[in-house]
């Protein structure tokens, strides 16, 4: 995984309206978490990731934070509390 592939994944999701989310796996200080980015936030979040992560997807201000995987997805199951 690298920044070029992350950018390509966001671009693919942006161009194909079937993709509703990009999900990123981030390891932060040894804790694994997932970030779900909805379609309406693709451009803003990609701009953030471009300026905040190195080419190897390590956070520029904390080397213990990195993006370890990501994928554009068409649908996710959601609970009604998020609607």
PDB file of N, CA and C in Angstrom:
ATOM      1  N   UNK A   1       0.835  -1.177   0.000  1.00  0.00           N
ATOM      2  CA  UNK A   1       0.000   0.000   0.000  1.00  0.00           C
ATOM      3  C   UNK A   1       0.889   1.253   0.000  1.00  0.00           C
ATOM      4  N   UNK A   2       0.471   2.211  -0.803  1.00  0.00           N
ATOM      5  CA  UNK A   2       1.178   3.483  -0.826  1.00  0.00           C
ATOM      6  C   UNK A   2       0.201   4.598  -1.209  1.00  0.00           C
ATOM      7  N   UNK A   3       0.668   5.823  -1.137  1.00  0.00           N
ATOM      8  CA  UNK A   3      -0.211   6.958  -1.370  1.00  0.00           C
ATOM      9  C   UNK A   3      -0.770   6.961  -2.794  1.00  0.00           C
ATOM     10  N   UNK A   4       0.021   6.564  -3.776  1.00  0.00           N
ATOM     11  CA  UNK A   4      -0.466   6.535  -5.155  1.00  0.00           C
ATOM     12  C   UNK A   4      -1.645   5.575  -5.301  1.00  0.00           C
ATOM     13  N   UNK A   5      -1.577   4.435  -4.629  1.00  0.00           N
ATOM     14  CA  UNK A   5      -2.676   3.471  -4.689  1.00  0.00           C
ATOM     15  C   UNK A   5      -3.905   3.996  -3.936  1.00  0.00           C
ATOM     16  N   UNK A   6      -3.685   4.695  -2.844  1.00  0.00           N
ATOM     17  CA  UNK A   6      -4.795   5.295  -2.109  1.00  0.00           C
ATOM     18  C   UNK A   6      -5.500   6.334  -2.983  1.00  0.00           C
ATOM     19  N   UNK A   7      -4.738   7.172  -3.643  1.00  0.00           N
ATOM     20  CA  UNK A   7      -5.309   8.180  -4.532  1.00  0.00           C
ATOM     21  C   UNK A   7      -6.089   7.511  -5.664  1.00  0.00           C
ATOM     22  N   UNK A   8      -5.527   6.463  -6.239  1.00  0.00           N
ATOM     23  CA  UNK A   8      -6.205   5.742  -7.320  1.00  0.00           C
ATOM     24  C   UNK A   8      -7.519   5.126  -6.843  1.00  0.00           C
ATOM     25  N   UNK A   9      -7.548   4.626  -5.620  1.00  0.00           N
ATOM     26  CA  UNK A   9      -8.773   4.026  -5.078  1.00  0.00           C
ATOM     27  C   UNK A   9      -9.852   5.086  -4.869  1.00  0.00           C
ATOM     28  N   UNK A  10      -9.482   6.241  -4.337  1.00  0.00           N
ATOM     29  CA  UNK A  10     -10.445   7.335  -4.203  1.00  0.00           C
ATOM     30  C   UNK A  10     -10.927   7.805  -5.578  1.00  0.00           C
ATOM     31  N   UNK A  11     -10.022   7.897  -6.548  1.00  0.00           N
ATOM     32  CA  UNK A  11     -10.401   8.316  -7.897  1.00  0.00           C
ATOM     33  C   UNK A  11     -11.380   7.326  -8.518  1.00  0.00           C
ATOM     34  N   UNK A  12     -11.122   6.049  -8.344  1.00  0.00           N
ATOM     35  CA  UNK A  12     -12.018   5.008  -8.873  1.00  0.00           C
ATOM     36  C   UNK A  12     -13.402   5.143  -8.254  1.00  0.00           C
ATOM     37  N   UNK A  13     -13.452   5.333  -6.947  1.00  0.00           N
ATOM     38  CA  UNK A  13     -14.731   5.459  -6.244  1.00  0.00           C
ATOM     39  C   UNK A  13     -15.461   6.736  -6.675  1.00  0.00           C
ATOM     40  N   UNK A  14     -14.704   7.813  -6.890  1.00  0.00           N
ATOM     41  CA  UNK A  14     -15.311   9.082  -7.303  1.00  0.00           C
ATOM     42  C   UNK A  14     -15.928   8.973  -8.694  1.00  0.00           C
ATOM     43  N   UNK A  15     -15.259   8.268  -9.596  1.00  0.00           N
ATOM     44  CA  UNK A  15     -15.717   8.166 -10.979  1.00  0.00           C
ATOM     45  C   UNK A  15     -16.896   7.209 -11.149  1.00  0.00           C
ATOM     46  N   UNK A  16     -16.988   6.202 -10.312  1.00  0.00           N
ATOM     47  CA  UNK A  16     -18.040   5.193 -10.425  1.00  0.00           C
ATOM     48  C   UNK A  16     -19.072   5.430  -9.332  1.00  0.00           C
ATOM     49  N   UNK A  17     -20.239   5.920  -9.725  1.00  0.00           N
ATOM     50  CA  UNK A  17     -21.257   6.289  -8.739  1.00  0.00           C
ATOM     51  C   UNK A  17     -21.807   5.096  -7.963  1.00  0.00           C
ATOM     52  N   UNK A  18     -21.464   3.883  -8.361  1.00  0.00           N
ATOM     53  CA  UNK A  18     -21.888   2.701  -7.594  1.00  0.00           C
ATOM     54  C   UNK A  18     -21.159   2.610  -6.253  1.00  0.00           C
ATOM     55  N   UNK A  19     -19.993   3.267  -6.146  1.00  0.00           N
ATOM     56  CA  UNK A  19     -19.231   3.215  -4.901  1.00  0.00           C
ATOM     57  C   UNK A  19     -19.722   4.307  -3.959  1.00  0.00           C
ATOM     58  N   UNK A  20     -20.135   3.899  -2.769  1.00  0.00           N
ATOM     59  CA  UNK A  20     -20.695   4.835  -1.796  1.00  0.00           C
ATOM     60  C   UNK A  20     -19.723   5.216  -0.693  1.00  0.00           C
ATOM     61  N   UNK A  21     -18.709   4.392  -0.458  1.00  0.00           N
ATOM     62  CA  UNK A  21     -17.794   4.601   0.664  1.00  0.00           C
ATOM     63  C   UNK A  21     -16.377   4.182   0.295  1.00  0.00           C
ATOM     64  N   UNK A  22     -15.415   4.778   0.969  1.00  0.00           N
ATOM     65  CA  UNK A  22     -14.048   4.252   1.018  1.00  0.00           C
ATOM     66  C   UNK A  22     -13.791   3.948   2.485  1.00  0.00           C
ATOM     67  N   UNK A  23     -13.338   2.730   2.744  1.00  0.00           N
ATOM     68  CA  UNK A  23     -13.036   2.312   4.111  1.00  0.00           C
ATOM     69  C   UNK A  23     -11.524   2.186   4.240  1.00  0.00           C
ATOM     70  N   UNK A  24     -10.982   2.806   5.281  1.00  0.00           N
ATOM     71  CA  UNK A  24      -9.547   2.743   5.535  1.00  0.00           C
ATOM     72  C   UNK A  24      -9.295   2.043   6.865  1.00  0.00           C
ATOM     73  N   UNK A  25      -8.283   1.207   6.894  1.00  0.00           N
ATOM     74  CA  UNK A  25      -7.809   0.613   8.147  1.00  0.00           C
ATOM     75  C   UNK A  25      -6.592   1.418   8.577  1.00  0.00           C
ATOM     76  N   UNK A  26      -6.635   1.899   9.802  1.00  0.00           N
ATOM     77  CA  UNK A  26      -5.539   2.707  10.344  1.00  0.00           C
ATOM     78  C   UNK A  26      -5.048   2.049  11.624  1.00  0.00           C
ATOM     79  N   UNK A  27      -3.742   1.944  11.753  1.00  0.00           N
ATOM     80  CA  UNK A  27      -3.148   1.488  13.008  1.00  0.00           C
ATOM     81  C   UNK A  27      -2.579   2.723  13.681  1.00  0.00           C
ATOM     82  N   UNK A  28      -3.084   2.991  14.876  1.00  0.00           N
ATOM     83  CA  UNK A  28      -2.682   4.177  15.626  1.00  0.00           C
ATOM     84  C   UNK A  28      -2.204   3.761  17.006  1.00  0.00           C
ATOM     85  N   UNK A  29      -0.901   3.926  17.223  1.00  0.00           N
ATOM     86  CA  UNK A  29      -0.328   3.589  18.531  1.00  0.00           C
ATOM     87  C   UNK A  29      -0.656   2.152  18.925  1.00  0.00           C
ATOM     88  N   UNK A  30      -0.665   1.250  17.943  1.00  0.00           N
ATOM     89  CA  UNK A  30      -0.907  -0.169  18.208  1.00  0.00           C
ATOM     90  C   UNK A  30      -2.364  -0.579  18.210  1.00  0.00           C
ATOM     91  N   UNK A  31      -3.275   0.364  18.025  1.00  0.00           N
ATOM     92  CA  UNK A  31      -4.705   0.071  18.005  1.00  0.00           C
ATOM     93  C   UNK A  31      -5.207   0.142  16.570  1.00  0.00           C
ATOM     94  N   UNK A  32      -5.925  -0.887  16.153  1.00  0.00           N
ATOM     95  CA  UNK A  32      -6.478  -0.932  14.802  1.00  0.00           C
ATOM     96  C   UNK A  32      -7.868  -0.308  14.796  1.00  0.00           C
ATOM     97  N   UNK A  33      -8.121   0.563  13.819  1.00  0.00           N
ATOM     98  CA  UNK A  33      -9.434   1.176  13.690  1.00  0.00           C
ATOM     99  C   UNK A  33      -9.784   1.304  12.219  1.00  0.00           C
ATOM    100  N   UNK A  34     -11.062   1.502  11.961  1.00  0.00           N
ATOM    101  CA  UNK A  34     -11.542   1.649  10.594  1.00  0.00           C
ATOM    102  C   UNK A  34     -12.251   2.992  10.455  1.00  0.00           C
ATOM    103  N   UNK A  35     -11.952   3.675   9.368  1.00  0.00           N
ATOM    104  CA  UNK A  35     -12.574   4.943   9.048  1.00  0.00           C
ATOM    105  C   UNK A  35     -13.448   4.711   7.818  1.00  0.00           C
ATOM    106  N   UNK A  36     -14.707   5.126   7.895  1.00  0.00           N
ATOM    107  CA  UNK A  36     -15.626   5.003   6.768  1.00  0.00           C
ATOM    108  C   UNK A  36     -15.876   6.400   6.209  1.00  0.00           C
ATOM    109  N   UNK A  37     -15.479   6.597   4.967  1.00  0.00           N
ATOM    110  CA  UNK A  37     -15.615   7.896   4.315  1.00  0.00           C
ATOM    111  C   UNK A  37     -16.770   7.814   3.322  1.00  0.00           C
ATOM    112  N   UNK A  38     -17.838   8.590   3.532  1.00  0.00           N
ATOM    113  CA  UNK A  38     -18.957   8.577   2.591  1.00  0.00           C
ATOM    114  C   UNK A  38     -18.643   9.375   1.325  1.00  0.00           C
ATOM    115  N   UNK A  39     -19.341   9.060   0.267  1.00  0.00           N
ATOM    116  CA  UNK A  39     -19.123   9.674  -1.048  1.00  0.00           C
ATOM    117  C   UNK A  39     -19.013  11.199  -0.975  1.00  0.00           C
ATOM    118  N   UNK A  40     -19.876  11.846  -0.206  1.00  0.00           N
ATOM    119  CA  UNK A  40     -19.873  13.309  -0.184  1.00  0.00           C
ATOM    120  C   UNK A  40     -18.605  13.892   0.450  1.00  0.00           C
ATOM    121  N   UNK A  41     -17.805  13.065   1.096  1.00  0.00           N
ATOM    122  CA  UNK A  41     -16.567  13.536   1.731  1.00  0.00           C
ATOM    123  C   UNK A  41     -15.304  13.081   1.002  1.00  0.00           C
ATOM    124  N   UNK A  42     -15.448  12.402  -0.135  1.00  0.00           N
ATOM    125  CA  UNK A  42     -14.274  11.858  -0.830  1.00  0.00           C
ATOM    126  C   UNK A  42     -13.212  12.922  -1.091  1.00  0.00           C
ATOM    127  N   UNK A  43     -13.581  14.038  -1.690  1.00  0.00           N
ATOM    128  CA  UNK A  43     -12.594  15.044  -2.083  1.00  0.00           C
ATOM    129  C   UNK A  43     -11.881  15.643  -0.877  1.00  0.00           C
ATOM    130  N   UNK A  44     -12.638  16.007   0.154  1.00  0.00           N
ATOM    131  CA  UNK A  44     -12.034  16.618   1.338  1.00  0.00           C
ATOM    132  C   UNK A  44     -11.128  15.644   2.087  1.00  0.00           C
ATOM    133  N   UNK A  45     -11.574  14.405   2.243  1.00  0.00           N
ATOM    134  CA  UNK A  45     -10.758  13.432   2.980  1.00  0.00           C
ATOM    135  C   UNK A  45      -9.516  13.056   2.188  1.00  0.00           C
ATOM    136  N   UNK A  46      -9.633  12.930   0.867  1.00  0.00           N
ATOM    137  CA  UNK A  46      -8.447  12.623   0.077  1.00  0.00           C
ATOM    138  C   UNK A  46      -7.431  13.756   0.196  1.00  0.00           C
ATOM    139  N   UNK A  47      -7.895  14.997   0.150  1.00  0.00           N
ATOM    140  CA  UNK A  47      -6.980  16.129   0.319  1.00  0.00           C
ATOM    141  C   UNK A  47      -6.274  16.052   1.671  1.00  0.00           C
ATOM    142  N   UNK A  48      -7.022  15.676   2.717  1.00  0.00           N
ATOM    143  CA  UNK A  48      -6.431  15.518   4.048  1.00  0.00           C
ATOM    144  C   UNK A  48      -5.367  14.424   4.039  1.00  0.00           C
ATOM    145  N   UNK A  49      -5.694  13.262   3.477  1.00  0.00           N
ATOM    146  CA  UNK A  49      -4.733  12.148   3.466  1.00  0.00           C
ATOM    147  C   UNK A  49      -3.494  12.500   2.646  1.00  0.00           C
ATOM    148  N   UNK A  50      -3.662  13.221   1.560  1.00  0.00           N
ATOM    149  CA  UNK A  50      -2.513  13.616   0.732  1.00  0.00           C
ATOM    150  C   UNK A  50      -1.529  14.476   1.517  1.00  0.00           C
ATOM    151  N   UNK A  51      -2.040  15.406   2.305  1.00  0.00           N
ATOM    152  CA  UNK A  51      -1.131  16.315   3.026  1.00  0.00           C
ATOM    153  C   UNK A  51      -0.679  15.754   4.377  1.00  0.00           C
ATOM    154  N   UNK A  52      -1.380  14.764   4.905  1.00  0.00           N
ATOM    155  CA  UNK A  52      -1.098  14.288   6.262  1.00  0.00           C
ATOM    156  C   UNK A  52      -0.335  12.972   6.337  1.00  0.00           C
ATOM    157  N   UNK A  53      -0.141  12.315   5.197  1.00  0.00           N
ATOM    158  CA  UNK A  53       0.543  11.022   5.185  1.00  0.00           C
ATOM    159  C   UNK A  53       1.662  11.026   4.161  1.00  0.00           C
ATOM    160  N   UNK A  54       2.726  10.305   4.471  1.00  0.00           N
ATOM    161  CA  UNK A  54       3.862  10.171   3.561  1.00  0.00           C
ATOM    162  C   UNK A  54       3.475   9.251   2.397  1.00  0.00           C
ATOM    163  N   UNK A  55       4.395   9.094   1.450  1.00  0.00           N
ATOM    164  CA  UNK A  55       4.158   8.182   0.325  1.00  0.00           C
ATOM    165  C   UNK A  55       3.950   6.745   0.792  1.00  0.00           C
ATOM    166  N   UNK A  56       4.485   6.413   1.972  1.00  0.00           N
ATOM    167  CA  UNK A  56       4.319   5.070   2.540  1.00  0.00           C
ATOM    168  C   UNK A  56       3.130   4.983   3.496  1.00  0.00           C
ATOM    169  N   UNK A  57       2.297   6.040   3.521  1.00  0.00           N
ATOM    170  CA  UNK A  57       1.075   6.115   4.325  1.00  0.00           C
ATOM    171  C   UNK A  57       1.322   6.111   5.825  1.00  0.00           C
ATOM    172  N   UNK A  58       2.412   6.748   6.222  1.00  0.00           N
ATOM    173  CA  UNK A  58       2.714   6.981   7.636  1.00  0.00           C
ATOM    174  C   UNK A  58       2.376   8.443   7.914  1.00  0.00           C
ATOM    175  N   UNK A  59       1.709   8.696   9.022  1.00  0.00           N
ATOM    176  CA  UNK A  59       1.307  10.062   9.354  1.00  0.00           C
ATOM    177  C   UNK A  59       2.545  10.942   9.496  1.00  0.00           C
ATOM    178  N   UNK A  60       2.476  12.150   8.958  1.00  0.00           N
ATOM    179  CA  UNK A  60       3.651  13.028   8.937  1.00  0.00           C
ATOM    180  C   UNK A  60       4.049  13.542  10.312  1.00  0.00           C
ATOM    181  N   UNK A  61       3.108  13.551  11.273  1.00  0.00           N
ATOM    182  CA  UNK A  61       3.433  14.071  12.604  1.00  0.00           C
ATOM    183  C   UNK A  61       3.551  12.983  13.671  1.00  0.00           C
ATOM    184  N   UNK A  62       3.208  11.746  13.308  1.00  0.00           N
ATOM    185  CA  UNK A  62       3.292  10.651  14.279  1.00  0.00           C
ATOM    186  C   UNK A  62       3.588   9.358  13.533  1.00  0.00           C
ATOM    187  N   UNK A  63       4.820   8.907  13.594  1.00  0.00           N
ATOM    188  CA  UNK A  63       5.226   7.712  12.854  1.00  0.00           C
ATOM    189  C   UNK A  63       4.545   6.444  13.358  1.00  0.00           C
ATOM    190  N   UNK A  64       3.817   6.536  14.480  1.00  0.00           N
ATOM    191  CA  UNK A  64       3.099   5.381  15.028  1.00  0.00           C
ATOM    192  C   UNK A  64       1.653   5.305  14.523  1.00  0.00           C
ATOM    193  N   UNK A  65       1.338   6.143  13.544  1.00  0.00           N
ATOM    194  CA  UNK A  65       0.003   6.129  12.922  1.00  0.00           C
ATOM    195  C   UNK A  65       0.199   5.884  11.432  1.00  0.00           C
ATOM    196  N   UNK A  66      -0.483   4.875  10.899  1.00  0.00           N
ATOM    197  CA  UNK A  66      -0.354   4.595   9.468  1.00  0.00           C
ATOM    198  C   UNK A  66      -1.646   3.999   8.913  1.00  0.00           C
ATOM    199  N   UNK A  67      -1.840   4.229   7.633  1.00  0.00           N
ATOM    200  CA  UNK A  67      -2.937   3.597   6.908  1.00  0.00           C
ATOM    201  C   UNK A  67      -2.401   2.264   6.412  1.00  0.00           C
ATOM    202  N   UNK A  68      -3.064   1.177   6.798  1.00  0.00           N
ATOM    203  CA  UNK A  68      -2.558  -0.154   6.468  1.00  0.00           C
ATOM    204  C   UNK A  68      -3.326  -0.840   5.351  1.00  0.00           C
ATOM    205  N   UNK A  69      -4.566  -0.435   5.116  1.00  0.00           N
ATOM    206  CA  UNK A  69      -5.327  -0.957   3.984  1.00  0.00           C
ATOM    207  C   UNK A  69      -6.499  -0.034   3.714  1.00  0.00           C
ATOM    208  N   UNK A  70      -7.088  -0.200   2.536  1.00  0.00           N
ATOM    209  CA  UNK A  70      -8.234   0.623   2.158  1.00  0.00           C
ATOM    210  C   UNK A  70      -8.943  -0.048   0.998  1.00  0.00           C
ATOM    211  N   UNK A  71     -10.221   0.283   0.853  1.00  0.00           N
ATOM    212  CA  UNK A  71     -11.007  -0.264  -0.249  1.00  0.00           C
ATOM    213  C   UNK A  71     -12.231   0.604  -0.486  1.00  0.00           C
ATOM    214  N   UNK A  72     -12.552   0.818  -1.748  1.00  0.00           N
ATOM    215  CA  UNK A  72     -13.813   1.443  -2.114  1.00  0.00           C
ATOM    216  C   UNK A  72     -14.873   0.352  -2.065  1.00  0.00           C
ATOM    217  N   UNK A  73     -16.023   0.668  -1.509  1.00  0.00           N
ATOM    218  CA  UNK A  73     -17.096  -0.318  -1.401  1.00  0.00           C
ATOM    219  C   UNK A  73     -18.406   0.283  -1.902  1.00  0.00           C
ATOM    220  N   UNK A  74     -19.260  -0.603  -2.369  1.00  0.00           N
ATOM    221  CA  UNK A  74     -20.546  -0.155  -2.913  1.00  0.00           C
ATOM    222  C   UNK A  74     -21.587   0.024  -1.830  1.00  0.00           C
ATOM    223  N   UNK A  75     -21.608  -0.870  -0.871  1.00  0.00           N
ATOM    224  CA  UNK A  75     -22.625  -0.828   0.171  1.00  0.00           C
ATOM    225  C   UNK A  75     -22.026  -1.314   1.480  1.00  0.00           C
ATOM    226  N   UNK A  76     -22.524  -0.792   2.580  1.00  0.00           N
ATOM    227  CA  UNK A  76     -22.237  -1.370   3.889  1.00  0.00           C
ATOM    228  C   UNK A  76     -23.552  -1.433   4.639  1.00  0.00           C
ATOM    229  N   UNK A  77     -23.643  -2.374   5.530  1.00  0.00           N
ATOM    230  CA  UNK A  77     -24.827  -2.462   6.372  1.00  0.00           C
ATOM    231  C   UNK A  77     -24.715  -1.421   7.464  1.00  0.00           C
ATOM    232  N   UNK A  78     -25.770  -0.684   7.685  1.00  0.00           N
ATOM    233  CA  UNK A  78     -25.734   0.335   8.710  1.00  0.00           C
ATOM    234  C   UNK A  78     -26.915   0.157   9.664  1.00  0.00           C
ATOM    235  N   UNK A  79     -26.716   0.585  10.842  1.00  0.00           N
ATOM    236  CA  UNK A  79     -27.767   0.594  11.845  1.00  0.00           C
ATOM    237  C   UNK A  79     -28.591   1.862  11.638  1.00  0.00           C
ATOM    238  N   UNK A  80     -29.861   1.832  11.949  1.00  0.00           N
ATOM    239  CA  UNK A  80     -30.704   3.005  11.732  1.00  0.00           C
ATOM    240  C   UNK A  80     -30.264   4.208  12.570  1.00  0.00           C
ATOM    241  N   UNK A  81     -29.466   3.998  13.598  1.00  0.00           N
ATOM    242  CA  UNK A  81     -29.012   5.138  14.391  1.00  0.00           C
ATOM    243  C   UNK A  81     -28.091   6.045  13.589  1.00  0.00           C
ATOM    244  N   UNK A  82     -27.540   5.567  12.496  1.00  0.00           N
ATOM    245  CA  UNK A  82     -26.671   6.376  11.658  1.00  0.00           C
ATOM    246  C   UNK A  82     -27.425   7.056  10.534  1.00  0.00           C
ATOM    247  N   UNK A  83     -28.700   6.837  10.438  1.00  0.00           N
ATOM    248  CA  UNK A  83     -29.504   7.413   9.344  1.00  0.00           C
ATOM    249  C   UNK A  83     -30.002   8.790   9.728  1.00  0.00           C
TER     250      UNK A  83
END
